[in-house]
Amino acid sequence: MNAALDVSHVSFSYGRAQVLDDVSFRVGAGEIITIIGPNGAGKSTLLNVVARSHRLRTGEVTVHGSRTNGMNQRAVVRLGCVLVPEGRQVFSTQSVHDNLLLGGYIRRHDAEHIHKTLAVVYDHFPRLLERRDQLAGTLSGGEQQMLAIGRALMSGPSVMLLDEPSLGLAPQMTERIMRILGGLRRETGLSIVLVEQNARAALDLADRGYLLSGGRVVLEGSSADLKQDRTIQQVYLGGTASAPAS
C-alpha cells in the first residue's frame, strides 16, 4: 500500500505517565481509517503527536514519505497533513469567511489558489456560504464543525486528522458530517484519520480500524471484520456498554 501517512513505533509520555506505547499504523492514499477506544486510551494525544501539536519523542512519522520528526506544526501542514481538533476551536469573534481565510494562511501568497479553494469549500458546505458574514460563535454546533473542516480544507491537505467530529452533535447532524467526509474522499482523494466516539458511524465510514487501549493498538482490521468482533460489538456497538468520549 502506498502510504499517505505512516506512523511507526510512536510512544509518548506526559512526565512519568505513559500515554502512547509503540503505536504503529498506516493510511493509504484516499483511505479512511478510524481509531476507536475507551476514554484515556491516548487517541487524541496520538493525533496531536502526528500533527506535531505535541513533540514526537520516540518513533517516526512520515507524510508521503517525508519524515516529520523535528518539524513544527506549520511544516507538517505544508506537507499536506492537517488536524481538525476536538471541540472545533473556531475563532468565535470572526466571521465564517474570515475563519476560512485564516485556514488558508499557509497559502497567503497564492490568492488565486485561495479563491479556488474557497469556492470548493462553499460548494461542499453551502450552509457556510449562506452564513459567510455571520460570526462563527453564533453558529450551531454542526455548522461550527462544518466550518472547522472547511477551514482545514483551505490549507490544501492530502491527509486530514479529525478528532471527535460528532461530539455534541445530534444523530442527524453526525450522519450528515460522515456523508460529507465520505464525499470529500471520493471527490478529492483525501486520506482521513478519524478518532470518533460514535464507533458505529466511524466503522461504517472507514475502510479499516484500530482499537487503542492503554496507549497500545490491541486490535486492527477491516471495518467489516471489526464490526463482527465480539468485544467491539459488546462495548462499542450497542452491547452491554457504550464507548465513552475521547
C-alpha atoms as a PDB file:
ATOM      1  CA  MET A   1       0.000   0.000   0.000  1.00  0.00           C
ATOM      2  CA  ASN A   2       1.289   3.452  -0.946  1.00  0.00           C
ATOM      3  CA  ALA A   3       1.241   5.270   2.402  1.00  0.00           C
ATOM      4  CA  ALA A   4      -0.014   8.845   2.613  1.00  0.00           C
ATOM      5  CA  LEU A   5       0.731   8.679   6.345  1.00  0.00           C
ATOM      6  CA  ASP A   6       2.976   6.202   8.134  1.00  0.00           C
ATOM      7  CA  VAL A   7       3.153   6.169  11.938  1.00  0.00           C
ATOM      8  CA  SER A   8       5.853   3.814  13.194  1.00  0.00           C
ATOM      9  CA  HIS A   9       6.544   2.750  16.808  1.00  0.00           C
ATOM     10  CA  VAL A  10       5.386   6.028  18.353  1.00  0.00           C
ATOM     11  CA  SER A  11       5.494   6.373  22.140  1.00  0.00           C
ATOM     12  CA  PHE A  12       4.631   9.450  24.188  1.00  0.00           C
ATOM     13  CA  SER A  13       4.547  10.377  27.872  1.00  0.00           C
ATOM     14  CA  TYR A  14       3.298  13.256  29.979  1.00  0.00           C
ATOM     15  CA  GLY A  15       6.040  13.290  32.572  1.00  0.00           C
ATOM     16  CA  ARG A  16       6.091   9.767  34.007  1.00  0.00           C
ATOM     17  CA  ALA A  17       2.656   8.918  32.643  1.00  0.00           C
ATOM     18  CA  GLN A  18       2.985   6.736  29.534  1.00  0.00           C
ATOM     19  CA  VAL A  19       0.155   7.685  27.158  1.00  0.00           C
ATOM     20  CA  LEU A  20       1.226   6.024  23.894  1.00  0.00           C
ATOM     21  CA  ASP A  21       3.248   2.825  23.750  1.00  0.00           C
ATOM     22  CA  ASP A  22       4.757   1.628  20.448  1.00  0.00           C
ATOM     23  CA  VAL A  23       1.820   2.665  18.239  1.00  0.00           C
ATOM     24  CA  SER A  24       2.043   1.981  14.508  1.00  0.00           C
ATOM     25  CA  PHE A  25      -0.464   2.392  11.684  1.00  0.00           C
ATOM     26  CA  ARG A  26      -0.550   3.332   8.003  1.00  0.00           C
ATOM     27  CA  VAL A  27      -3.052   5.234   5.874  1.00  0.00           C
ATOM     28  CA  GLY A  28      -3.120   4.730   2.127  1.00  0.00           C
ATOM     29  CA  ALA A  29      -3.858   7.442  -0.405  1.00  0.00           C
ATOM     30  CA  GLY A  30      -7.616   8.053  -0.432  1.00  0.00           C
ATOM     31  CA  GLU A  31      -8.174   5.711   2.519  1.00  0.00           C
ATOM     32  CA  ILE A  32     -10.204   6.359   5.659  1.00  0.00           C
ATOM     33  CA  ILE A  33      -9.118   4.707   8.889  1.00  0.00           C
ATOM     34  CA  THR A  34     -10.698   5.104  12.301  1.00  0.00           C
ATOM     35  CA  ILE A  35      -9.168   4.851  15.740  1.00  0.00           C
ATOM     36  CA  ILE A  36     -11.595   3.872  18.484  1.00  0.00           C
ATOM     37  CA  GLY A  37     -11.080   3.096  22.139  1.00  0.00           C
ATOM     38  CA  PRO A  38     -12.049   3.958  25.714  1.00  0.00           C
ATOM     39  CA  ASN A  39     -11.605   7.261  27.491  1.00  0.00           C
ATOM     40  CA  GLY A  40      -7.934   7.884  28.263  1.00  0.00           C
ATOM     41  CA  ALA A  41      -6.664   5.432  25.641  1.00  0.00           C
ATOM     42  CA  GLY A  42      -4.492   8.112  24.031  1.00  0.00           C
ATOM     43  CA  LYS A  43      -6.495   8.684  20.849  1.00  0.00           C
ATOM     44  CA  SER A  44      -6.458  12.495  20.899  1.00  0.00           C
ATOM     45  CA  THR A  45      -2.837  12.516  22.033  1.00  0.00           C
ATOM     46  CA  LEU A  46      -1.949  10.346  19.045  1.00  0.00           C
ATOM     47  CA  LEU A  47      -3.478  12.806  16.583  1.00  0.00           C
ATOM     48  CA  ASN A  48      -1.709  15.706  18.283  1.00  0.00           C
ATOM     49  CA  VAL A  49       1.619  13.893  18.065  1.00  0.00           C
ATOM     50  CA  VAL A  50       1.093  13.181  14.355  1.00  0.00           C
ATOM     51  CA  ALA A  51       0.114  16.815  13.728  1.00  0.00           C
ATOM     52  CA  ARG A  52       3.096  17.981  15.806  1.00  0.00           C
ATOM     53  CA  SER A  53       0.937  19.826  18.320  1.00  0.00           C
ATOM     54  CA  HIS A  54       2.806  17.560  20.757  1.00  0.00           C
ATOM     55  CA  ARG A  55       6.504  16.857  20.419  1.00  0.00           C
ATOM     56  CA  LEU A  56       7.371  13.444  18.991  1.00  0.00           C
ATOM     57  CA  ARG A  57       9.868  11.786  21.329  1.00  0.00           C
ATOM     58  CA  THR A  58      10.029   8.141  20.251  1.00  0.00           C
ATOM     59  CA  GLY A  59       9.192   6.638  16.869  1.00  0.00           C
ATOM     60  CA  GLU A  60       8.746   8.090  13.412  1.00  0.00           C
ATOM     61  CA  VAL A  61       6.007   9.752  11.374  1.00  0.00           C
ATOM     62  CA  THR A  62       6.184  10.256   7.620  1.00  0.00           C
ATOM     63  CA  VAL A  63       3.766  12.106   5.337  1.00  0.00           C
ATOM     64  CA  HIS A  64       4.054  10.954   1.718  1.00  0.00           C
ATOM     65  CA  GLY A  65       7.496   9.599   2.555  1.00  0.00           C
ATOM     66  CA  SER A  66       8.786  12.804   4.206  1.00  0.00           C
ATOM     67  CA  ARG A  67       9.921  12.302   7.789  1.00  0.00           C
ATOM     68  CA  THR A  68       8.309  14.847  10.127  1.00  0.00           C
ATOM     69  CA  ASN A  69      10.484  14.278  13.207  1.00  0.00           C
ATOM     70  CA  GLY A  70      11.879  17.669  14.162  1.00  0.00           C
ATOM     71  CA  MET A  71       9.315  19.612  12.122  1.00  0.00           C
ATOM     72  CA  ASN A  72       6.921  22.126  13.645  1.00  0.00           C
ATOM     73  CA  GLN A  73       3.154  22.062  13.110  1.00  0.00           C
ATOM     74  CA  ARG A  74       3.256  24.584  10.260  1.00  0.00           C
ATOM     75  CA  ALA A  75       5.783  22.484   8.340  1.00  0.00           C
ATOM     76  CA  VAL A  76       3.570  19.405   8.706  1.00  0.00           C
ATOM     77  CA  VAL A  77       0.623  21.376   7.325  1.00  0.00           C
ATOM     78  CA  ARG A  78       2.779  22.394   4.366  1.00  0.00           C
ATOM     79  CA  LEU A  79       3.417  18.691   3.730  1.00  0.00           C
ATOM     80  CA  GLY A  80      -0.364  18.241   3.481  1.00  0.00           C
ATOM     81  CA  CYS A  81      -1.323  16.892   6.914  1.00  0.00           C
ATOM     82  CA  VAL A  82      -3.833  18.964   8.906  1.00  0.00           C
ATOM     83  CA  LEU A  83      -5.663  18.461  12.210  1.00  0.00           C
ATOM     84  CA  VAL A  84      -9.323  19.291  12.867  1.00  0.00           C
ATOM     85  CA  PRO A  85      -9.187  19.458  16.672  1.00  0.00           C
ATOM     86  CA  GLU A  86     -11.693  18.236  19.223  1.00  0.00           C
ATOM     87  CA  GLY A  87     -14.143  20.978  20.156  1.00  0.00           C
ATOM     88  CA  ARG A  88     -13.767  22.593  16.700  1.00  0.00           C
ATOM     89  CA  GLN A  89     -11.898  25.665  18.076  1.00  0.00           C
ATOM     90  CA  VAL A  90     -13.275  28.155  15.575  1.00  0.00           C
ATOM     91  CA  PHE A  91     -12.480  31.850  16.000  1.00  0.00           C
ATOM     92  CA  SER A  92     -15.800  32.837  17.515  1.00  0.00           C
ATOM     93  CA  THR A  93     -15.493  36.612  17.074  1.00  0.00           C
ATOM     94  CA  GLN A  94     -14.503  36.313  13.408  1.00  0.00           C
ATOM     95  CA  SER A  95     -16.877  35.777  10.501  1.00  0.00           C
ATOM     96  CA  VAL A  96     -17.271  32.432   8.777  1.00  0.00           C
ATOM     97  CA  HIS A  97     -15.462  33.823   5.743  1.00  0.00           C
ATOM     98  CA  ASP A  98     -12.560  35.147   7.815  1.00  0.00           C
ATOM     99  CA  ASN A  99     -12.225  31.810   9.614  1.00  0.00           C
ATOM    100  CA  LEU A 100     -11.850  30.125   6.245  1.00  0.00           C
ATOM    101  CA  LEU A 101      -9.283  32.656   5.073  1.00  0.00           C
ATOM    102  CA  LEU A 102      -7.276  32.016   8.241  1.00  0.00           C
ATOM    103  CA  GLY A 103      -7.246  28.341   7.318  1.00  0.00           C
ATOM    104  CA  GLY A 104      -5.527  29.286   4.075  1.00  0.00           C
ATOM    105  CA  TYR A 105      -2.807  31.288   5.830  1.00  0.00           C
ATOM    106  CA  ILE A 106      -0.115  28.861   4.650  1.00  0.00           C
ATOM    107  CA  ARG A 107      -1.082  29.855   1.085  1.00  0.00           C
ATOM    108  CA  ARG A 108      -1.456  33.571   1.756  1.00  0.00           C
ATOM    109  CA  HIS A 109       0.805  34.473  -1.190  1.00  0.00           C
ATOM    110  CA  ASP A 110      -1.330  32.487  -3.651  1.00  0.00           C
ATOM    111  CA  ALA A 111      -4.545  34.489  -3.882  1.00  0.00           C
ATOM    112  CA  GLU A 112      -5.788  32.592  -6.925  1.00  0.00           C
ATOM    113  CA  HIS A 113      -5.458  29.234  -5.186  1.00  0.00           C
ATOM    114  CA  ILE A 114      -7.182  30.570  -2.065  1.00  0.00           C
ATOM    115  CA  HIS A 115     -10.076  31.853  -4.184  1.00  0.00           C
ATOM    116  CA  LYS A 116     -10.453  28.493  -5.937  1.00  0.00           C
ATOM    117  CA  THR A 117     -10.297  26.567  -2.658  1.00  0.00           C
ATOM    118  CA  LEU A 118     -12.915  28.863  -1.107  1.00  0.00           C
ATOM    119  CA  ALA A 119     -15.232  28.044  -3.983  1.00  0.00           C
ATOM    120  CA  VAL A 120     -14.688  24.313  -3.385  1.00  0.00           C
ATOM    121  CA  VAL A 121     -15.353  24.667   0.359  1.00  0.00           C
ATOM    122  CA  TYR A 122     -18.533  26.649  -0.212  1.00  0.00           C
ATOM    123  CA  ASP A 123     -19.633  24.067  -2.764  1.00  0.00           C
ATOM    124  CA  HIS A 124     -19.230  21.268  -0.193  1.00  0.00           C
ATOM    125  CA  PHE A 125     -20.734  23.375   2.606  1.00  0.00           C
ATOM    126  CA  PRO A 126     -23.459  25.610   1.111  1.00  0.00           C
ATOM    127  CA  ARG A 127     -24.664  26.469   4.607  1.00  0.00           C
ATOM    128  CA  LEU A 128     -21.335  28.194   5.226  1.00  0.00           C
ATOM    129  CA  LEU A 129     -21.850  30.261   2.091  1.00  0.00           C
ATOM    130  CA  GLU A 130     -25.275  31.306   3.394  1.00  0.00           C
ATOM    131  CA  ARG A 131     -23.636  32.369   6.675  1.00  0.00           C
ATOM    132  CA  ARG A 132     -20.344  33.684   5.307  1.00  0.00           C
ATOM    133  CA  ASP A 133     -20.726  37.058   7.103  1.00  0.00           C
ATOM    134  CA  GLN A 134     -22.053  35.582  10.361  1.00  0.00           C
ATOM    135  CA  LEU A 135     -19.825  35.407  13.455  1.00  0.00           C
ATOM    136  CA  ALA A 136     -18.562  31.861  13.912  1.00  0.00           C
ATOM    137  CA  GLY A 137     -19.512  31.878  17.599  1.00  0.00           C
ATOM    138  CA  THR A 138     -23.193  32.254  16.685  1.00  0.00           C
ATOM    139  CA  LEU A 139     -23.296  29.108  14.526  1.00  0.00           C
ATOM    140  CA  SER A 140     -24.844  25.863  15.684  1.00  0.00           C
ATOM    141  CA  GLY A 141     -22.551  23.021  16.752  1.00  0.00           C
ATOM    142  CA  GLY A 142     -22.982  21.248  13.446  1.00  0.00           C
ATOM    143  CA  GLU A 143     -22.281  24.415  11.475  1.00  0.00           C
ATOM    144  CA  GLN A 144     -19.154  25.033  13.553  1.00  0.00           C
ATOM    145  CA  GLN A 145     -17.980  21.506  12.753  1.00  0.00           C
ATOM    146  CA  MET A 146     -18.528  22.180   9.057  1.00  0.00           C
ATOM    147  CA  LEU A 147     -16.524  25.376   9.465  1.00  0.00           C
ATOM    148  CA  ALA A 148     -13.679  23.563  11.232  1.00  0.00           C
ATOM    149  CA  ILE A 149     -13.483  21.015   8.394  1.00  0.00           C
ATOM    150  CA  GLY A 150     -13.769  23.743   5.764  1.00  0.00           C
ATOM    151  CA  ARG A 151     -11.019  25.768   7.455  1.00  0.00           C
ATOM    152  CA  ALA A 152      -8.762  22.695   7.381  1.00  0.00           C
ATOM    153  CA  LEU A 153      -9.505  22.170   3.687  1.00  0.00           C
ATOM    154  CA  MET A 154      -8.274  25.687   2.961  1.00  0.00           C
ATOM    155  CA  SER A 155      -4.698  24.545   3.566  1.00  0.00           C
ATOM    156  CA  GLY A 156      -4.992  22.077   0.683  1.00  0.00           C
ATOM    157  CA  PRO A 157      -4.431  18.878   2.674  1.00  0.00           C
ATOM    158  CA  SER A 158      -3.957  15.366   1.371  1.00  0.00           C
ATOM    159  CA  VAL A 159      -4.270  13.902   4.893  1.00  0.00           C
ATOM    160  CA  MET A 160      -6.875  15.105   7.398  1.00  0.00           C
ATOM    161  CA  LEU A 161      -6.868  14.139  11.079  1.00  0.00           C
ATOM    162  CA  LEU A 162     -10.299  14.536  12.703  1.00  0.00           C
ATOM    163  CA  ASP A 163     -10.707  14.429  16.477  1.00  0.00           C
ATOM    164  CA  GLU A 164     -14.266  13.614  17.601  1.00  0.00           C
ATOM    165  CA  PRO A 165     -16.186  15.430  14.836  1.00  0.00           C
ATOM    166  CA  SER A 166     -19.572  14.190  16.153  1.00  0.00           C
ATOM    167  CA  LEU A 167     -19.002  15.397  19.730  1.00  0.00           C
ATOM    168  CA  GLY A 168     -22.121  17.213  20.946  1.00  0.00           C
ATOM    169  CA  LEU A 169     -24.000  16.787  17.676  1.00  0.00           C
ATOM    170  CA  ALA A 170     -27.452  15.328  17.093  1.00  0.00           C
ATOM    171  CA  PRO A 171     -27.530  11.946  15.289  1.00  0.00           C
ATOM    172  CA  GLN A 172     -28.874  13.502  12.087  1.00  0.00           C
ATOM    173  CA  MET A 173     -26.011  16.010  12.007  1.00  0.00           C
ATOM    174  CA  THR A 174     -23.492  13.259  12.740  1.00  0.00           C
ATOM    175  CA  GLU A 175     -24.797  11.333   9.730  1.00  0.00           C
ATOM    176  CA  ARG A 176     -24.509  14.454   7.598  1.00  0.00           C
ATOM    177  CA  ILE A 177     -20.905  15.095   8.668  1.00  0.00           C
ATOM    178  CA  MET A 178     -19.980  11.480   7.890  1.00  0.00           C
ATOM    179  CA  ARG A 179     -21.571  11.745   4.438  1.00  0.00           C
ATOM    180  CA  ILE A 180     -19.596  14.908   3.782  1.00  0.00           C
ATOM    181  CA  LEU A 181     -16.345  13.188   4.779  1.00  0.00           C
ATOM    182  CA  GLY A 182     -17.118  10.267   2.502  1.00  0.00           C
ATOM    183  CA  GLY A 183     -17.853  12.671  -0.333  1.00  0.00           C
ATOM    184  CA  LEU A 184     -14.586  14.527   0.199  1.00  0.00           C
ATOM    185  CA  ARG A 185     -12.679  11.261  -0.021  1.00  0.00           C
ATOM    186  CA  ARG A 186     -14.440  10.224  -3.223  1.00  0.00           C
ATOM    187  CA  GLU A 187     -14.125  13.584  -4.939  1.00  0.00           C
ATOM    188  CA  THR A 188     -10.650  14.690  -3.828  1.00  0.00           C
ATOM    189  CA  GLY A 189      -8.791  11.504  -2.853  1.00  0.00           C
ATOM    190  CA  LEU A 190      -8.357  12.865   0.676  1.00  0.00           C
ATOM    191  CA  SER A 191      -6.917  10.427   3.224  1.00  0.00           C
ATOM    192  CA  ILE A 192      -8.646  10.625   6.615  1.00  0.00           C
ATOM    193  CA  VAL A 193      -7.740   9.511  10.140  1.00  0.00           C
ATOM    194  CA  LEU A 194     -10.889   9.615  12.245  1.00  0.00           C
ATOM    195  CA  VAL A 195     -10.959   9.495  16.051  1.00  0.00           C
ATOM    196  CA  GLU A 196     -14.619   9.137  16.901  1.00  0.00           C
ATOM    197  CA  GLN A 197     -16.725   8.301  19.970  1.00  0.00           C
ATOM    198  CA  ASN A 198     -19.524   7.039  17.729  1.00  0.00           C
ATOM    199  CA  ALA A 199     -17.822   3.765  16.779  1.00  0.00           C
ATOM    200  CA  ARG A 200     -20.687   2.552  14.612  1.00  0.00           C
ATOM    201  CA  ALA A 201     -20.689   5.686  12.457  1.00  0.00           C
ATOM    202  CA  ALA A 202     -16.895   5.612  12.257  1.00  0.00           C
ATOM    203  CA  LEU A 203     -16.704   1.955  11.234  1.00  0.00           C
ATOM    204  CA  ASP A 204     -19.497   2.434   8.699  1.00  0.00           C
ATOM    205  CA  LEU A 205     -17.429   5.171   7.044  1.00  0.00           C
ATOM    206  CA  ALA A 206     -13.903   3.810   7.382  1.00  0.00           C
ATOM    207  CA  ASP A 207     -12.065   1.203   5.334  1.00  0.00           C
ATOM    208  CA  ARG A 208     -10.073  -0.059   8.308  1.00  0.00           C
ATOM    209  CA  GLY A 209      -9.957   0.478  12.050  1.00  0.00           C
ATOM    210  CA  TYR A 210      -7.675   0.271  15.068  1.00  0.00           C
ATOM    211  CA  LEU A 211      -8.685  -0.295  18.690  1.00  0.00           C
ATOM    212  CA  LEU A 212      -6.459   1.673  21.055  1.00  0.00           C
ATOM    213  CA  SER A 213      -6.413   0.699  24.735  1.00  0.00           C
ATOM    214  CA  GLY A 214      -3.901   1.717  27.372  1.00  0.00           C
ATOM    215  CA  GLY A 215      -1.916   3.564  24.740  1.00  0.00           C
ATOM    216  CA  ARG A 216      -1.410   0.455  22.588  1.00  0.00           C
ATOM    217  CA  VAL A 217      -3.051  -0.902  19.455  1.00  0.00           C
ATOM    218  CA  VAL A 218      -4.756  -4.066  20.697  1.00  0.00           C
ATOM    219  CA  LEU A 219      -6.861  -4.889  17.645  1.00  0.00           C
ATOM    220  CA  GLU A 220      -6.858  -3.893  13.995  1.00  0.00           C
ATOM    221  CA  GLY A 221      -8.557  -4.974  10.812  1.00  0.00           C
ATOM    222  CA  SER A 222     -11.050  -4.065   8.137  1.00  0.00           C
ATOM    223  CA  SER A 223     -14.116  -2.219   9.357  1.00  0.00           C
ATOM    224  CA  ALA A 224     -16.263  -5.185   8.330  1.00  0.00           C
ATOM    225  CA  ASP A 225     -14.169  -7.561  10.430  1.00  0.00           C
ATOM    226  CA  LEU A 226     -14.088  -5.243  13.436  1.00  0.00           C
ATOM    227  CA  LYS A 227     -17.866  -4.902  13.384  1.00  0.00           C
ATOM    228  CA  GLN A 228     -18.049  -8.696  13.725  1.00  0.00           C
ATOM    229  CA  ASP A 229     -15.633  -8.829  16.679  1.00  0.00           C
ATOM    230  CA  ARG A 230     -17.442  -9.760  19.901  1.00  0.00           C
ATOM    231  CA  THR A 231     -15.623  -7.203  22.078  1.00  0.00           C
ATOM    232  CA  ILE A 232     -16.273  -4.408  19.604  1.00  0.00           C
ATOM    233  CA  GLN A 233     -19.932  -5.405  19.382  1.00  0.00           C
ATOM    234  CA  GLN A 234     -20.462  -5.582  23.151  1.00  0.00           C
ATOM    235  CA  VAL A 235     -18.537  -2.468  24.170  1.00  0.00           C
ATOM    236  CA  TYR A 236     -18.793  -0.118  21.192  1.00  0.00           C
ATOM    237  CA  LEU A 237     -21.763  -1.140  19.065  1.00  0.00           C
ATOM    238  CA  GLY A 238     -24.675  -1.119  21.449  1.00  0.00           C
ATOM    239  CA  GLY A 239     -23.963  -4.100  23.703  1.00  0.00           C
ATOM    240  CA  THR A 240     -23.700  -4.027  27.474  1.00  0.00           C
ATOM    241  CA  ALA A 241     -21.677  -0.814  27.484  1.00  0.00           C
ATOM    242  CA  SER A 242     -21.123   2.109  25.181  1.00  0.00           C
ATOM    243  CA  ALA A 243     -17.895   3.751  24.128  1.00  0.00           C
ATOM    244  CA  PRO A 244     -17.120   6.853  26.196  1.00  0.00           C
ATOM    245  CA  ALA A 245     -15.979  10.072  24.618  1.00  0.00           C
ATOM    246  CA  SER A 246     -12.312  10.642  23.806  1.00  0.00           C
END
